[in-house]
Amino acid sequence: MIDHAQRQRATIARENLVFIAENISQEAFVMAVHRREYPAGSRWFWAIQQVWAPRSAAQDLQNKEAAE
């Protein structure tokens, strides 16, 4: 049996992604992307219901929030 949550966690660790949000539905993720609330390159992992982004994109988001 395939454990998709375990596979997605392995992908997150392998690609050194940074945590952005949790308990996000697919519809909420799509709407947030259209409103540009998440940095470019953000990915929604359906099995764990979390949003992760590349380290460089997450740093840009933090800089933007600090400037406001």
Protein backbone atom coordinates (compact mmCIF):
# COMPACT_ATOMS: atom_id res chain seq x y z
CA MET A 1 0.00 0.00 0.00
CA ILE A 2 1.30 3.46 -0.89
CA ASP A 3 1.56 6.00 1.93
CA HIS A 4 1.15 9.30 0.09
CA ALA A 5 1.69 11.42 3.20
CA GLN A 6 5.06 9.75 3.75
CA ARG A 7 6.01 10.29 0.10
CA GLN A 8 5.08 13.95 0.29
CA ARG A 9 7.08 14.44 3.50
CA ALA A 10 10.07 12.82 1.79
CA THR A 11 9.69 15.23 -1.14
CA ILE A 12 9.58 18.17 1.26
CA ALA A 13 12.76 17.01 3.01
CA ARG A 14 14.57 16.22 -0.27
CA GLU A 15 13.77 19.62 -1.81
CA ASN A 16 14.37 21.65 1.39
CA LEU A 17 10.99 23.35 1.21
CA VAL A 18 9.79 25.86 3.81
CA PHE A 19 6.44 25.54 5.58
CA ILE A 20 3.87 28.22 4.68
CA ALA A 21 0.42 27.08 5.89
CA GLU A 22 -1.57 24.05 7.05
CA ASN A 23 -5.15 22.76 6.93
CA ILE A 24 -5.64 24.34 3.51
CA SER A 25 -8.14 22.90 1.05
CA GLN A 26 -7.40 22.78 -2.65
CA GLU A 27 -9.96 25.51 -3.34
CA ALA A 28 -8.46 27.78 -0.67
CA PHE A 29 -4.98 27.20 -2.09
CA VAL A 30 -6.09 28.06 -5.62
CA MET A 31 -7.83 31.24 -4.48
CA ALA A 32 -4.80 32.30 -2.41
CA VAL A 33 -2.51 31.73 -5.40
CA HIS A 34 -4.76 33.89 -7.59
CA ARG A 35 -4.66 36.61 -4.91
CA ARG A 36 -0.86 36.18 -4.74
CA GLU A 37 -0.89 35.41 -1.02
CA TYR A 38 1.69 32.65 -1.45
CA PRO A 39 5.13 33.11 -3.01
CA ALA A 40 5.92 31.87 -6.51
CA GLY A 41 6.71 28.17 -6.57
CA SER A 42 4.46 27.30 -3.62
CA ARG A 43 3.08 23.78 -3.66
CA TRP A 44 0.01 22.31 -2.01
CA PHE A 45 0.46 18.76 -0.77
CA TRP A 46 -2.97 17.14 -0.78
CA ALA A 47 -2.20 14.16 1.48
CA ILE A 48 -1.02 16.36 4.36
CA GLN A 49 -3.11 19.47 3.52
CA GLN A 50 -0.14 21.82 3.76
CA VAL A 51 1.47 24.51 1.62
CA TRP A 52 5.26 24.55 1.21
CA ALA A 53 7.49 26.84 -0.84
CA PRO A 54 11.11 26.93 -1.99
CA ARG A 55 13.42 28.59 0.54
CA SER A 56 14.18 31.59 -1.73
CA ALA A 57 10.49 32.28 -2.39
CA ALA A 58 9.64 32.06 1.31
CA GLN A 59 12.43 34.54 2.10
CA ASP A 60 10.91 36.99 -0.40
CA LEU A 61 7.54 36.64 1.36
CA GLN A 62 9.12 37.38 4.75
CA ASN A 63 10.89 40.46 3.35
CA LYS A 64 7.60 41.71 1.88
CA GLU A 65 5.78 41.27 5.21
CA ALA A 66 8.57 43.05 7.09
CA ALA A 67 8.41 46.01 4.71
CA GLU A 68 4.69 46.55 5.33
